[in-house]
Amino acid sequence: QVQLVESGGGLVQPGGSLRLSCAASGFTFSNYGMYWYRQAPGKERESVAVITSVGGSTSYADSVKGRFTISRDNVKKMVYLQMNNLKPEDTAVYFCNTAVWGRMYWGKGTLVTVSS
């Protein structure tokens, strides 16, 4: 079955960096686009970044553009989110996501807290 497992979250000071990882299994990883979403306390879940299956094209939410970088390793079946210059408003649970055969799959998320 499809499984997505996020890791790498934690507490970081404003201006700091974190690298999130998502380990994927149960599907042909290289065939599918991969997404990072986040959900801040009291807010709706929002899309942060996406990377396509072919060519690895990327797209970002305006709020993270220039600070976050999504990447993937099709051999290791991993997707990453490098987050630089973190701000308090980046505090959220970050989720890995994909859609396989029309069904969306989510990991359990990893908490990122940006605070001094």
Protein backbone atom coordinates (compact mmCIF):
# COMPACT_ATOMS: atom_id res chain seq x y z
CA GLN A 1 0.00 0.00 0.00
CA VAL A 2 1.03 3.60 -0.51
CA GLN A 3 2.91 5.00 2.44
CA LEU A 4 4.43 8.42 2.98
CA VAL A 5 6.56 9.10 6.05
CA GLU A 6 7.80 12.60 6.82
CA SER A 7 10.73 13.49 9.03
CA GLY A 8 13.04 16.38 9.79
CA GLY A 9 10.78 18.79 11.61
CA GLY A 10 11.72 20.54 14.82
CA LEU A 11 12.23 23.84 16.58
CA VAL A 12 14.29 26.45 14.78
CA GLN A 13 14.94 30.14 15.31
CA PRO A 14 13.75 32.74 12.81
CA GLY A 15 16.21 32.93 9.95
CA GLY A 16 17.25 29.32 10.41
CA SER A 17 16.98 26.34 8.10
CA LEU A 18 15.48 22.88 8.13
CA ARG A 19 15.36 20.05 5.61
CA LEU A 20 12.26 17.90 5.57
CA SER A 21 12.27 14.42 4.09
CA CYS A 22 9.48 12.17 2.88
CA ALA A 23 10.05 8.46 2.32
CA ALA A 24 7.62 6.94 -0.18
CA SER A 25 6.73 3.32 -0.76
CA GLY A 26 4.03 1.15 -2.29
CA PHE A 27 3.87 2.78 -5.71
CA THR A 28 6.08 3.56 -8.70
CA PHE A 29 7.51 6.74 -7.23
CA SER A 30 9.11 8.10 -10.39
CA ASN A 31 5.74 8.17 -12.17
CA TYR A 32 4.03 10.62 -9.83
CA GLY A 33 4.23 14.24 -8.88
CA MET A 34 4.91 14.92 -5.23
CA TYR A 35 3.64 17.71 -3.03
CA TRP A 36 4.39 19.37 0.27
CA TYR A 37 1.48 20.90 2.15
CA ARG A 38 1.34 22.57 5.53
CA GLN A 39 -1.30 23.32 8.12
CA ALA A 40 -0.80 26.01 10.71
CA PRO A 41 -2.81 26.03 13.96
CA GLY A 42 -6.34 27.20 13.29
CA LYS A 43 -5.80 27.44 9.54
CA GLU A 44 -6.64 25.33 6.52
CA ARG A 45 -4.10 23.06 4.90
CA GLU A 46 -2.29 24.80 2.06
CA SER A 47 -0.05 23.71 -0.77
CA VAL A 48 3.57 24.74 -0.33
CA ALA A 49 5.47 23.14 -3.22
CA VAL A 50 5.14 20.58 -5.97
CA ILE A 51 7.61 18.67 -8.12
CA THR A 52 6.56 16.85 -11.26
CA SER A 53 7.34 13.25 -12.08
CA VAL A 54 8.99 13.89 -15.42
CA GLY A 55 11.62 16.56 -15.67
CA GLY A 56 11.27 17.56 -12.05
CA SER A 57 9.65 20.91 -12.70
CA THR A 58 8.79 22.76 -9.51
CA SER A 59 6.25 25.29 -8.33
CA TYR A 60 5.89 27.13 -5.04
CA ALA A 61 3.40 29.09 -3.03
CA ASP A 62 4.17 32.81 -3.16
CA SER A 63 4.75 32.85 0.59
CA VAL A 64 7.74 30.49 0.34
CA LYS A 65 9.12 31.32 -3.10
CA GLY A 66 12.83 32.04 -2.96
CA ARG A 67 13.18 30.45 0.49
CA PHE A 68 12.03 26.84 0.04
CA THR A 69 13.29 24.27 -2.47
CA ILE A 70 11.58 20.97 -3.27
CA SER A 71 13.60 18.12 -4.74
CA ARG A 72 13.31 14.39 -5.29
CA ASP A 73 15.49 11.31 -5.54
CA ASN A 74 13.74 8.71 -7.67
CA VAL A 75 16.27 6.01 -6.78
CA LYS A 76 15.81 6.43 -3.05
CA LYS A 77 12.08 7.22 -3.44
CA MET A 78 12.48 10.36 -1.39
CA VAL A 79 11.19 13.90 -1.68
CA TYR A 80 12.76 16.77 0.21
CA LEU A 81 11.87 20.29 1.23
CA GLN A 82 14.81 22.54 2.00
CA MET A 83 13.53 25.50 4.02
CA ASN A 84 15.77 28.53 4.48
CA ASN A 85 15.25 31.90 6.15
CA LEU A 86 12.39 30.47 8.16
CA LYS A 87 9.83 32.83 9.63
CA PRO A 88 7.43 32.42 12.55
CA GLU A 89 4.57 32.24 10.06
CA ASP A 90 6.13 29.07 8.63
CA THR A 91 5.19 27.27 11.85
CA ALA A 92 2.94 24.38 10.85
CA VAL A 93 2.65 20.66 10.45
CA TYR A 94 4.14 19.78 7.07
CA PHE A 95 2.68 16.93 5.05
CA CYS A 96 3.90 14.95 2.09
CA ASN A 97 1.25 14.17 -0.53
CA THR A 98 0.69 12.39 -3.80
CA ALA A 99 -2.22 11.13 -5.87
CA VAL A 100 -2.05 7.58 -7.17
CA TRP A 101 -4.82 6.29 -9.46
CA GLY A 102 -6.95 9.28 -8.53
CA ARG A 103 -6.70 8.78 -4.79
CA MET A 104 -4.82 11.21 -2.57
CA TYR A 105 -2.40 9.94 0.04
CA TRP A 106 -0.99 11.78 3.01
CA GLY A 107 1.73 11.18 5.51
CA LYS A 108 1.16 11.85 9.21
CA GLY A 109 3.13 15.06 9.03
CA THR A 110 6.11 16.59 10.78
CA LEU A 111 5.90 19.65 13.01
CA VAL A 112 8.00 22.71 12.25
CA THR A 113 8.11 25.42 14.89
CA VAL A 114 9.86 28.69 14.15
CA SER A 115 10.36 30.64 17.33
CA SER A 116 13.02 32.51 19.27
